[in-house]
Amino acid sequence: DRVNSFFDEAARHGFITSDEIPEIR
């Protein structure tokens, strides 16, 4: 339930790229 927003925020702050978000997400 919470992991989606975590990855979105990490990408928004530039810690990861959109390509690095797990495919299942």
mmCIF file of all heavy atoms, coordinates in Angstrom:
data_MODEL
# 
_entry.id   MODEL 
# 
loop_
_atom_site.group_PDB 
_atom_site.id 
_atom_site.type_symbol 
_atom_site.label_atom_id 
_atom_site.label_alt_id 
_atom_site.label_comp_id 
_atom_site.label_asym_id 
_atom_site.label_entity_id 
_atom_site.label_seq_id 
_atom_site.pdbx_PDB_ins_code 
_atom_site.Cartn_x 
_atom_site.Cartn_y 
_atom_site.Cartn_z 
_atom_site.occupancy 
_atom_site.B_iso_or_equiv 
_atom_site.pdbx_formal_charge 
_atom_site.auth_seq_id 
_atom_site.auth_comp_id 
_atom_site.auth_asym_id 
_atom_site.auth_atom_id 
_atom_site.pdbx_PDB_model_num 
ATOM 1   N N   . ASP A 1 1  ? 0.817  -1.216 0.000   1.00 0.00 ? 1  ASP A N   1 
ATOM 2   C CA  . ASP A 1 1  ? 0.000  0.000  0.000   1.00 0.00 ? 1  ASP A CA  1 
ATOM 3   C C   . ASP A 1 1  ? 0.848  1.263  0.000   1.00 0.00 ? 1  ASP A C   1 
ATOM 4   O O   . ASP A 1 1  ? 0.441  2.297  -0.530  1.00 0.00 ? 1  ASP A O   1 
ATOM 5   C CB  . ASP A 1 1  ? -0.921 0.014  1.231   1.00 0.00 ? 1  ASP A CB  1 
ATOM 6   C CG  . ASP A 1 1  ? -2.018 -1.034 1.132   1.00 0.00 ? 1  ASP A CG  1 
ATOM 7   O OD1 . ASP A 1 1  ? -2.286 -1.489 0.003   1.00 0.00 ? 1  ASP A OD1 1 
ATOM 8   O OD2 . ASP A 1 1  ? -2.590 -1.391 2.179   1.00 0.00 ? 1  ASP A OD2 1 
ATOM 9   N N   . ARG A 1 2  ? 2.049  1.215  0.572   1.00 0.00 ? 2  ARG A N   1 
ATOM 10  C CA  . ARG A 1 2  ? 2.863  2.416  0.747   1.00 0.00 ? 2  ARG A CA  1 
ATOM 11  C C   . ARG A 1 2  ? 4.040  2.529  -0.215  1.00 0.00 ? 2  ARG A C   1 
ATOM 12  O O   . ARG A 1 2  ? 4.585  3.614  -0.408  1.00 0.00 ? 2  ARG A O   1 
ATOM 13  C CB  . ARG A 1 2  ? 3.396  2.468  2.183   1.00 0.00 ? 2  ARG A CB  1 
ATOM 14  C CG  . ARG A 1 2  ? 2.315  2.536  3.238   1.00 0.00 ? 2  ARG A CG  1 
ATOM 15  C CD  . ARG A 1 2  ? 2.912  2.587  4.626   1.00 0.00 ? 2  ARG A CD  1 
ATOM 16  N NE  . ARG A 1 2  ? 1.877  2.608  5.653   1.00 0.00 ? 2  ARG A NE  1 
ATOM 17  C CZ  . ARG A 1 2  ? 2.112  2.632  6.956   1.00 0.00 ? 2  ARG A CZ  1 
ATOM 18  N NH1 . ARG A 1 2  ? 3.357  2.670  7.393   1.00 0.00 ? 2  ARG A NH1 1 
ATOM 19  N NH2 . ARG A 1 2  ? 1.112  2.644  7.822   1.00 0.00 ? 2  ARG A NH2 1 
ATOM 20  N N   . VAL A 1 3  ? 4.435  1.430  -0.803  1.00 0.00 ? 3  VAL A N   1 
ATOM 21  C CA  . VAL A 1 3  ? 5.660  1.433  -1.584  1.00 0.00 ? 3  VAL A CA  1 
ATOM 22  C C   . VAL A 1 3  ? 5.550  2.293  -2.833  1.00 0.00 ? 3  VAL A C   1 
ATOM 23  O O   . VAL A 1 3  ? 6.530  2.907  -3.271  1.00 0.00 ? 3  VAL A O   1 
ATOM 24  C CB  . VAL A 1 3  ? 6.068  -0.008 -1.955  1.00 0.00 ? 3  VAL A CB  1 
ATOM 25  C CG1 . VAL A 1 3  ? 5.077  -0.615 -2.951  1.00 0.00 ? 3  VAL A CG1 1 
ATOM 26  C CG2 . VAL A 1 3  ? 7.479  -0.037 -2.513  1.00 0.00 ? 3  VAL A CG2 1 
ATOM 27  N N   . ASN A 1 4  ? 4.364  2.383  -3.417  1.00 0.00 ? 4  ASN A N   1 
ATOM 28  C CA  . ASN A 1 4  ? 4.200  3.160  -4.641  1.00 0.00 ? 4  ASN A CA  1 
ATOM 29  C C   . ASN A 1 4  ? 4.586  4.620  -4.442  1.00 0.00 ? 4  ASN A C   1 
ATOM 30  O O   . ASN A 1 4  ? 5.335  5.195  -5.234  1.00 0.00 ? 4  ASN A O   1 
ATOM 31  C CB  . ASN A 1 4  ? 2.754  3.073  -5.129  1.00 0.00 ? 4  ASN A CB  1 
ATOM 32  C CG  . ASN A 1 4  ? 2.417  1.686  -5.622  1.00 0.00 ? 4  ASN A CG  1 
ATOM 33  O OD1 . ASN A 1 4  ? 3.303  0.861  -5.829  1.00 0.00 ? 4  ASN A OD1 1 
ATOM 34  N ND2 . ASN A 1 4  ? 1.137  1.421  -5.812  1.00 0.00 ? 4  ASN A ND2 1 
ATOM 35  N N   . SER A 1 5  ? 4.098  5.229  -3.385  1.00 0.00 ? 5  SER A N   1 
ATOM 36  C CA  . SER A 1 5  ? 4.412  6.636  -3.140  1.00 0.00 ? 5  SER A CA  1 
ATOM 37  C C   . SER A 1 5  ? 5.892  6.825  -2.825  1.00 0.00 ? 5  SER A C   1 
ATOM 38  O O   . SER A 1 5  ? 6.473  7.865  -3.151  1.00 0.00 ? 5  SER A O   1 
ATOM 39  C CB  . SER A 1 5  ? 3.558  7.181  -1.991  1.00 0.00 ? 5  SER A CB  1 
ATOM 40  O OG  . SER A 1 5  ? 3.803  6.464  -0.800  1.00 0.00 ? 5  SER A OG  1 
ATOM 41  N N   . PHE A 1 6  ? 6.509  5.811  -2.209  1.00 0.00 ? 6  PHE A N   1 
ATOM 42  C CA  . PHE A 1 6  ? 7.937  5.913  -1.891  1.00 0.00 ? 6  PHE A CA  1 
ATOM 43  C C   . PHE A 1 6  ? 8.768  5.990  -3.174  1.00 0.00 ? 6  PHE A C   1 
ATOM 44  O O   . PHE A 1 6  ? 9.641  6.855  -3.315  1.00 0.00 ? 6  PHE A O   1 
ATOM 45  C CB  . PHE A 1 6  ? 8.381  4.719  -1.048  1.00 0.00 ? 6  PHE A CB  1 
ATOM 46  C CG  . PHE A 1 6  ? 9.851  4.735  -0.722  1.00 0.00 ? 6  PHE A CG  1 
ATOM 47  C CD1 . PHE A 1 6  ? 10.320 5.416  0.378   1.00 0.00 ? 6  PHE A CD1 1 
ATOM 48  C CD2 . PHE A 1 6  ? 10.767 4.077  -1.534  1.00 0.00 ? 6  PHE A CD2 1 
ATOM 49  C CE1 . PHE A 1 6  ? 11.686 5.453  0.674   1.00 0.00 ? 6  PHE A CE1 1 
ATOM 50  C CE2 . PHE A 1 6  ? 12.124 4.096  -1.238  1.00 0.00 ? 6  PHE A CE2 1 
ATOM 51  C CZ  . PHE A 1 6  ? 12.581 4.791  -0.134  1.00 0.00 ? 6  PHE A CZ  1 
ATOM 52  N N   . PHE A 1 7  ? 8.498  5.093  -4.115  1.00 0.00 ? 7  PHE A N   1 
ATOM 53  C CA  . PHE A 1 7  ? 9.252  5.109  -5.369  1.00 0.00 ? 7  PHE A CA  1 
ATOM 54  C C   . PHE A 1 7  ? 8.966  6.370  -6.170  1.00 0.00 ? 7  PHE A C   1 
ATOM 55  O O   . PHE A 1 7  ? 9.870  6.941  -6.793  1.00 0.00 ? 7  PHE A O   1 
ATOM 56  C CB  . PHE A 1 7  ? 8.919  3.860  -6.202  1.00 0.00 ? 7  PHE A CB  1 
ATOM 57  C CG  . PHE A 1 7  ? 9.666  2.631  -5.752  1.00 0.00 ? 7  PHE A CG  1 
ATOM 58  C CD1 . PHE A 1 7  ? 9.015  1.594  -5.105  1.00 0.00 ? 7  PHE A CD1 1 
ATOM 59  C CD2 . PHE A 1 7  ? 11.023 2.509  -5.970  1.00 0.00 ? 7  PHE A CD2 1 
ATOM 60  C CE1 . PHE A 1 7  ? 9.697  0.468  -4.686  1.00 0.00 ? 7  PHE A CE1 1 
ATOM 61  C CE2 . PHE A 1 7  ? 11.719 1.382  -5.559  1.00 0.00 ? 7  PHE A CE2 1 
ATOM 62  C CZ  . PHE A 1 7  ? 11.058 0.359  -4.915  1.00 0.00 ? 7  PHE A CZ  1 
ATOM 63  N N   . ASP A 1 8  ? 7.727  6.835  -6.139  1.00 0.00 ? 8  ASP A N   1 
ATOM 64  C CA  . ASP A 1 8  ? 7.391  8.068  -6.851  1.00 0.00 ? 8  ASP A CA  1 
ATOM 65  C C   . ASP A 1 8  ? 8.183  9.248  -6.293  1.00 0.00 ? 8  ASP A C   1 
ATOM 66  O O   . ASP A 1 8  ? 8.705  10.079 -7.036  1.00 0.00 ? 8  ASP A O   1 
ATOM 67  C CB  . ASP A 1 8  ? 5.890  8.358  -6.724  1.00 0.00 ? 8  ASP A CB  1 
ATOM 68  C CG  . ASP A 1 8  ? 5.045  7.418  -7.577  1.00 0.00 ? 8  ASP A CG  1 
ATOM 69  O OD1 . ASP A 1 8  ? 5.617  6.800  -8.493  1.00 0.00 ? 8  ASP A OD1 1 
ATOM 70  O OD2 . ASP A 1 8  ? 3.837  7.296  -7.303  1.00 0.00 ? 8  ASP A OD2 1 
ATOM 71  N N   . GLU A 1 9  ? 8.268  9.326  -4.971  1.00 0.00 ? 9  GLU A N   1 
ATOM 72  C CA  . GLU A 1 9  ? 8.987  10.440 -4.352  1.00 0.00 ? 9  GLU A CA  1 
ATOM 73  C C   . GLU A 1 9  ? 10.480 10.333 -4.597  1.00 0.00 ? 9  GLU A C   1 
ATOM 74  O O   . GLU A 1 9  ? 11.156 11.352 -4.816  1.00 0.00 ? 9  GLU A O   1 
ATOM 75  C CB  . GLU A 1 9  ? 8.701  10.477 -2.847  1.00 0.00 ? 9  GLU A CB  1 
ATOM 76  C CG  . GLU A 1 9  ? 9.201  11.736 -2.187  1.00 0.00 ? 9  GLU A CG  1 
ATOM 77  C CD  . GLU A 1 9  ? 8.484  12.046 -0.885  1.00 0.00 ? 9  GLU A CD  1 
ATOM 78  O OE1 . GLU A 1 9  ? 7.468  11.386 -0.582  1.00 0.00 ? 9  GLU A OE1 1 
ATOM 79  O OE2 . GLU A 1 9  ? 8.945  12.947 -0.187  1.00 0.00 ? 9  GLU A OE2 1 
ATOM 80  N N   . ALA A 1 10 ? 11.013 9.121  -4.567  1.00 0.00 ? 10 ALA A N   1 
ATOM 81  C CA  . ALA A 1 10 ? 12.448 8.936  -4.834  1.00 0.00 ? 10 ALA A CA  1 
ATOM 82  C C   . ALA A 1 10 ? 12.782 9.394  -6.246  1.00 0.00 ? 10 ALA A C   1 
ATOM 83  O O   . ALA A 1 10 ? 13.814 10.040 -6.480  1.00 0.00 ? 10 ALA A O   1 
ATOM 84  C CB  . ALA A 1 10 ? 12.829 7.470  -4.642  1.00 0.00 ? 10 ALA A CB  1 
ATOM 85  N N   . ALA A 1 11 ? 11.902 9.096  -7.195  1.00 0.00 ? 11 ALA A N   1 
ATOM 86  C CA  . ALA A 1 11 ? 12.124 9.535  -8.575  1.00 0.00 ? 11 ALA A CA  1 
ATOM 87  C C   . ALA A 1 11 ? 11.959 11.045 -8.698  1.00 0.00 ? 11 ALA A C   1 
ATOM 88  O O   . ALA A 1 11 ? 12.721 11.715 -9.403  1.00 0.00 ? 11 ALA A O   1 
ATOM 89  C CB  . ALA A 1 11 ? 11.150 8.813  -9.506  1.00 0.00 ? 11 ALA A CB  1 
ATOM 90  N N   . ARG A 1 12 ? 10.992 11.607 -7.977  1.00 0.00 ? 12 ARG A N   1 
ATOM 91  C CA  . ARG A 1 12 ? 10.734 13.048 -8.043  1.00 0.00 ? 12 ARG A CA  1 
ATOM 92  C C   . ARG A 1 12 ? 11.925 13.845 -7.529  1.00 0.00 ? 12 ARG A C   1 
ATOM 93  O O   . ARG A 1 12 ? 12.236 14.930 -8.036  1.00 0.00 ? 12 ARG A O   1 
ATOM 94  C CB  . ARG A 1 12 ? 9.472  13.380 -7.251  1.00 0.00 ? 12 ARG A CB  1 
ATOM 95  C CG  . ARG A 1 12 ? 9.076  14.843 -7.351  1.00 0.00 ? 12 ARG A CG  1 
ATOM 96  C CD  . ARG A 1 12 ? 7.654  15.091 -6.876  1.00 0.00 ? 12 ARG A CD  1 
ATOM 97  N NE  . ARG A 1 12 ? 7.463  14.715 -5.479  1.00 0.00 ? 12 ARG A NE  1 
ATOM 98  C CZ  . ARG A 1 12 ? 6.757  13.663 -5.082  1.00 0.00 ? 12 ARG A CZ  1 
ATOM 99  N NH1 . ARG A 1 12 ? 6.201  12.864 -5.978  1.00 0.00 ? 12 ARG A NH1 1 
ATOM 100 N NH2 . ARG A 1 12 ? 6.612  13.387 -3.807  1.00 0.00 ? 12 ARG A NH2 1 
ATOM 101 N N   . HIS A 1 13 ? 12.596 13.326 -6.500  1.00 0.00 ? 13 HIS A N   1 
ATOM 102 C CA  . HIS A 1 13 ? 13.766 14.005 -5.932  1.00 0.00 ? 13 HIS A CA  1 
ATOM 103 C C   . HIS A 1 13 ? 15.051 13.676 -6.683  1.00 0.00 ? 13 HIS A C   1 
ATOM 104 O O   . HIS A 1 13 ? 16.124 14.180 -6.322  1.00 0.00 ? 13 HIS A O   1 
ATOM 105 C CB  . HIS A 1 13 ? 13.927 13.635 -4.465  1.00 0.00 ? 13 HIS A CB  1 
ATOM 106 C CG  . HIS A 1 13 ? 12.913 14.277 -3.561  1.00 0.00 ? 13 HIS A CG  1 
ATOM 107 N ND1 . HIS A 1 13 ? 12.824 15.633 -3.379  1.00 0.00 ? 13 HIS A ND1 1 
ATOM 108 C CD2 . HIS A 1 13 ? 11.926 13.738 -2.804  1.00 0.00 ? 13 HIS A CD2 1 
ATOM 109 C CE1 . HIS A 1 13 ? 11.843 15.914 -2.539  1.00 0.00 ? 13 HIS A CE1 1 
ATOM 110 N NE2 . HIS A 1 13 ? 11.277 14.781 -2.177  1.00 0.00 ? 13 HIS A NE2 1 
ATOM 111 N N   . GLY A 1 14 ? 14.962 12.828 -7.693  1.00 0.00 ? 14 GLY A N   1 
ATOM 112 C CA  . GLY A 1 14 ? 16.137 12.522 -8.499  1.00 0.00 ? 14 GLY A CA  1 
ATOM 113 C C   . GLY A 1 14 ? 17.061 11.473 -7.916  1.00 0.00 ? 14 GLY A C   1 
ATOM 114 O O   . GLY A 1 14 ? 18.199 11.327 -8.382  1.00 0.00 ? 14 GLY A O   1 
ATOM 115 N N   . PHE A 1 15 ? 16.608 10.730 -6.920  1.00 0.00 ? 15 PHE A N   1 
ATOM 116 C CA  . PHE A 1 15 ? 17.454 9.673  -6.356  1.00 0.00 ? 15 PHE A CA  1 
ATOM 117 C C   . PHE A 1 15 ? 17.504 8.454  -7.269  1.00 0.00 ? 15 PHE A C   1 
ATOM 118 O O   . PHE A 1 15 ? 18.477 7.704  -7.261  1.00 0.00 ? 15 PHE A O   1 
ATOM 119 C CB  . PHE A 1 15 ? 16.942 9.261  -4.976  1.00 0.00 ? 15 PHE A CB  1 
ATOM 120 C CG  . PHE A 1 15 ? 17.015 10.365 -3.956  1.00 0.00 ? 15 PHE A CG  1 
ATOM 121 C CD1 . PHE A 1 15 ? 15.878 10.831 -3.326  1.00 0.00 ? 15 PHE A CD1 1 
ATOM 122 C CD2 . PHE A 1 15 ? 18.228 10.955 -3.632  1.00 0.00 ? 15 PHE A CD2 1 
ATOM 123 C CE1 . PHE A 1 15 ? 15.933 11.854 -2.400  1.00 0.00 ? 15 PHE A CE1 1 
ATOM 124 C CE2 . PHE A 1 15 ? 18.311 11.975 -2.707  1.00 0.00 ? 15 PHE A CE2 1 
ATOM 125 C CZ  . PHE A 1 15 ? 17.156 12.436 -2.092  1.00 0.00 ? 15 PHE A CZ  1 
ATOM 126 N N   . ILE A 1 16 ? 16.453 8.249  -8.036  1.00 0.00 ? 16 ILE A N   1 
ATOM 127 C CA  . ILE A 1 16 ? 16.410 7.168  -9.017  1.00 0.00 ? 16 ILE A CA  1 
ATOM 128 C C   . ILE A 1 16 ? 15.753 7.709  -10.279 1.00 0.00 ? 16 ILE A C   1 
ATOM 129 O O   . ILE A 1 16 ? 15.088 8.743  -10.259 1.00 0.00 ? 16 ILE A O   1 
ATOM 130 C CB  . ILE A 1 16 ? 15.618 5.941  -8.510  1.00 0.00 ? 16 ILE A CB  1 
ATOM 131 C CG1 . ILE A 1 16 ? 14.166 6.334  -8.185  1.00 0.00 ? 16 ILE A CG1 1 
ATOM 132 C CG2 . ILE A 1 16 ? 16.297 5.318  -7.302  1.00 0.00 ? 16 ILE A CG2 1 
ATOM 133 C CD1 . ILE A 1 16 ? 13.281 5.162  -7.808  1.00 0.00 ? 16 ILE A CD1 1 
ATOM 134 N N   . THR A 1 17 ? 15.965 7.000  -11.390 1.00 0.00 ? 17 THR A N   1 
ATOM 135 C CA  . THR A 1 17 ? 15.297 7.355  -12.634 1.00 0.00 ? 17 THR A CA  1 
ATOM 136 C C   . THR A 1 17 ? 14.020 6.529  -12.753 1.00 0.00 ? 17 THR A C   1 
ATOM 137 O O   . THR A 1 17 ? 13.827 5.541  -12.029 1.00 0.00 ? 17 THR A O   1 
ATOM 138 C CB  . THR A 1 17 ? 16.207 7.070  -13.837 1.00 0.00 ? 17 THR A CB  1 
ATOM 139 O OG1 . THR A 1 17 ? 16.425 5.655  -13.934 1.00 0.00 ? 17 THR A OG1 1 
ATOM 140 C CG2 . THR A 1 17 ? 17.549 7.780  -13.676 1.00 0.00 ? 17 THR A CG2 1 
ATOM 141 N N   . SER A 1 18 ? 13.175 6.923  -13.667 1.00 0.00 ? 18 SER A N   1 
ATOM 142 C CA  . SER A 1 18 ? 11.935 6.168  -13.869 1.00 0.00 ? 18 SER A CA  1 
ATOM 143 C C   . SER A 1 18 ? 12.233 4.744  -14.326 1.00 0.00 ? 18 SER A C   1 
ATOM 144 O O   . SER A 1 18 ? 11.469 3.818  -14.044 1.00 0.00 ? 18 SER A O   1 
ATOM 145 C CB  . SER A 1 18 ? 11.045 6.882  -14.894 1.00 0.00 ? 18 SER A CB  1 
ATOM 146 O OG  . SER A 1 18 ? 11.745 7.058  -16.125 1.00 0.00 ? 18 SER A OG  1 
ATOM 147 N N   . ASP A 1 19 ? 13.365 4.569  -15.029 1.00 0.00 ? 19 ASP A N   1 
ATOM 148 C CA  . ASP A 1 19 ? 13.732 3.221  -15.481 1.00 0.00 ? 19 ASP A CA  1 
ATOM 149 C C   . ASP A 1 19 ? 14.157 2.330  -14.323 1.00 0.00 ? 19 ASP A C   1 
ATOM 150 O O   . ASP A 1 19 ? 14.135 1.099  -14.450 1.00 0.00 ? 19 ASP A O   1 
ATOM 151 C CB  . ASP A 1 19 ? 14.880 3.296  -16.501 1.00 0.00 ? 19 ASP A CB  1 
ATOM 152 C CG  . ASP A 1 19 ? 14.433 3.936  -17.806 1.00 0.00 ? 19 ASP A CG  1 
ATOM 153 O OD1 . ASP A 1 19 ? 13.212 3.907  -18.076 1.00 0.00 ? 19 ASP A OD1 1 
ATOM 154 O OD2 . ASP A 1 19 ? 15.292 4.467  -18.530 1.00 0.00 ? 19 ASP A OD2 1 
ATOM 155 N N   . GLU A 1 20 ? 14.571 2.934  -13.219 1.00 0.00 ? 20 GLU A N   1 
ATOM 156 C CA  . GLU A 1 20 ? 15.027 2.136  -12.074 1.00 0.00 ? 20 GLU A CA  1 
ATOM 157 C C   . GLU A 1 20 ? 13.883 1.704  -11.166 1.00 0.00 ? 20 GLU A C   1 
ATOM 158 O O   . GLU A 1 20 ? 14.090 0.912  -10.249 1.00 0.00 ? 20 GLU A O   1 
ATOM 159 C CB  . GLU A 1 20 ? 16.052 2.944  -11.257 1.00 0.00 ? 20 GLU A CB  1 
ATOM 160 C CG  . GLU A 1 20 ? 17.380 3.123  -11.968 1.00 0.00 ? 20 GLU A CG  1 
ATOM 161 C CD  . GLU A 1 20 ? 18.353 3.959  -11.156 1.00 0.00 ? 20 GLU A CD  1 
ATOM 162 O OE1 . GLU A 1 20 ? 17.981 5.074  -10.766 1.00 0.00 ? 20 GLU A OE1 1 
ATOM 163 O OE2 . GLU A 1 20 ? 19.473 3.493  -10.907 1.00 0.00 ? 20 GLU A OE2 1 
ATOM 164 N N   . ILE A 1 21 ? 12.694 2.226  -11.404 1.00 0.00 ? 21 ILE A N   1 
ATOM 165 C CA  . ILE A 1 21 ? 11.541 1.777  -10.626 1.00 0.00 ? 21 ILE A CA  1 
ATOM 166 C C   . ILE A 1 21 ? 11.250 0.334  -11.011 1.00 0.00 ? 21 ILE A C   1 
ATOM 167 O O   . ILE A 1 21 ? 11.185 0.006  -12.191 1.00 0.00 ? 21 ILE A O   1 
ATOM 168 C CB  . ILE A 1 21 ? 10.321 2.674  -10.907 1.00 0.00 ? 21 ILE A CB  1 
ATOM 169 C CG1 . ILE A 1 21 ? 10.605 4.107  -10.460 1.00 0.00 ? 21 ILE A CG1 1 
ATOM 170 C CG2 . ILE A 1 21 ? 9.083  2.127  -10.207 1.00 0.00 ? 21 ILE A CG2 1 
ATOM 171 C CD1 . ILE A 1 21 ? 9.490  5.084  -10.790 1.00 0.00 ? 21 ILE A CD1 1 
ATOM 172 N N   . PRO A 1 22 ? 11.066 -0.543 -10.027 1.00 0.00 ? 22 PRO A N   1 
ATOM 173 C CA  . PRO A 1 22 ? 10.804 -1.963 -10.335 1.00 0.00 ? 22 PRO A CA  1 
ATOM 174 C C   . PRO A 1 22 ? 9.650  -2.124 -11.332 1.00 0.00 ? 22 PRO A C   1 
ATOM 175 O O   . PRO A 1 22 ? 8.642  -1.408 -11.244 1.00 0.00 ? 22 PRO A O   1 
ATOM 176 C CB  . PRO A 1 22 ? 10.464 -2.555 -8.964  1.00 0.00 ? 22 PRO A CB  1 
ATOM 177 C CG  . PRO A 1 22 ? 11.185 -1.682 -8.009  1.00 0.00 ? 22 PRO A CG  1 
ATOM 178 C CD  . PRO A 1 22 ? 11.115 -0.301 -8.585  1.00 0.00 ? 22 PRO A CD  1 
ATOM 179 N N   . GLU A 1 23 ? 9.819  -3.036 -12.251 1.00 0.00 ? 23 GLU A N   1 
ATOM 180 C CA  . GLU A 1 23 ? 8.796  -3.236 -13.289 1.00 0.00 ? 23 GLU A CA  1 
ATOM 181 C C   . GLU A 1 23 ? 7.441  -3.559 -12.688 1.00 0.00 ? 23 GLU A C   1 
ATOM 182 O O   . GLU A 1 23 ? 6.408  -3.123 -13.220 1.00 0.00 ? 23 GLU A O   1 
ATOM 183 C CB  . GLU A 1 23 ? 9.242  -4.373 -14.212 1.00 0.00 ? 23 GLU A CB  1 
ATOM 184 C CG  . GLU A 1 23 ? 10.450 -4.031 -15.065 1.00 0.00 ? 23 GLU A CG  1 
ATOM 185 C CD  . GLU A 1 23 ? 10.832 -5.165 -15.993 1.00 0.00 ? 23 GLU A CD  1 
ATOM 186 O OE1 . GLU A 1 23 ? 10.095 -6.179 -15.993 1.00 0.00 ? 23 GLU A OE1 1 
ATOM 187 O OE2 . GLU A 1 23 ? 11.846 -5.044 -16.678 1.00 0.00 ? 23 GLU A OE2 1 
ATOM 188 N N   . ILE A 1 24 ? 7.430  -4.306 -11.623 1.00 0.00 ? 24 ILE A N   1 
ATOM 189 C CA  . ILE A 1 24 ? 6.152  -4.679 -11.013 1.00 0.00 ? 24 ILE A CA  1 
ATOM 190 C C   . ILE A 1 24 ? 5.416  -3.460 -10.474 1.00 0.00 ? 24 ILE A C   1 
ATOM 191 O O   . ILE A 1 24 ? 4.194  -3.456 -10.315 1.00 0.00 ? 24 ILE A O   1 
ATOM 192 C CB  . ILE A 1 24 ? 6.376  -5.704 -9.880  1.00 0.00 ? 24 ILE A CB  1 
ATOM 193 C CG1 . ILE A 1 24 ? 5.027  -6.290 -9.452  1.00 0.00 ? 24 ILE A CG1 1 
ATOM 194 C CG2 . ILE A 1 24 ? 7.109  -5.075 -8.701  1.00 0.00 ? 24 ILE A CG2 1 
ATOM 195 C CD1 . ILE A 1 24 ? 5.170  -7.411 -8.455  1.00 0.00 ? 24 ILE A CD1 1 
ATOM 196 N N   . ARG A 1 25 ? 6.165  -2.378 -10.203 1.00 0.00 ? 25 ARG A N   1 
ATOM 197 C CA  . ARG A 1 25 ? 5.579  -1.150 -9.687  1.00 0.00 ? 25 ARG A CA  1 
ATOM 198 C C   . ARG A 1 25 ? 5.036  -0.263 -10.801 1.00 0.00 ? 25 ARG A C   1 
ATOM 199 O O   . ARG A 1 25 ? 4.112  0.492  -10.629 1.00 0.00 ? 25 ARG A O   1 
ATOM 200 C CB  . ARG A 1 25 ? 6.636  -0.416 -8.843  1.00 0.00 ? 25 ARG A CB  1 
ATOM 201 C CG  . ARG A 1 25 ? 6.432  1.070  -8.654  1.00 0.00 ? 25 ARG A CG  1 
ATOM 202 C CD  . ARG A 1 25 ? 5.193  1.378  -7.810  1.00 0.00 ? 25 ARG A CD  1 
ATOM 203 N NE  . ARG A 1 25 ? 5.007  2.805  -7.752  1.00 0.00 ? 25 ARG A NE  1 
ATOM 204 C CZ  . ARG A 1 25 ? 4.378  3.543  -8.646  1.00 0.00 ? 25 ARG A CZ  1 
ATOM 205 N NH1 . ARG A 1 25 ? 3.887  2.966  -9.728  1.00 0.00 ? 25 ARG A NH1 1 
ATOM 206 N NH2 . ARG A 1 25 ? 4.244  4.835  -8.497  1.00 0.00 ? 25 ARG A NH2 1 
# 
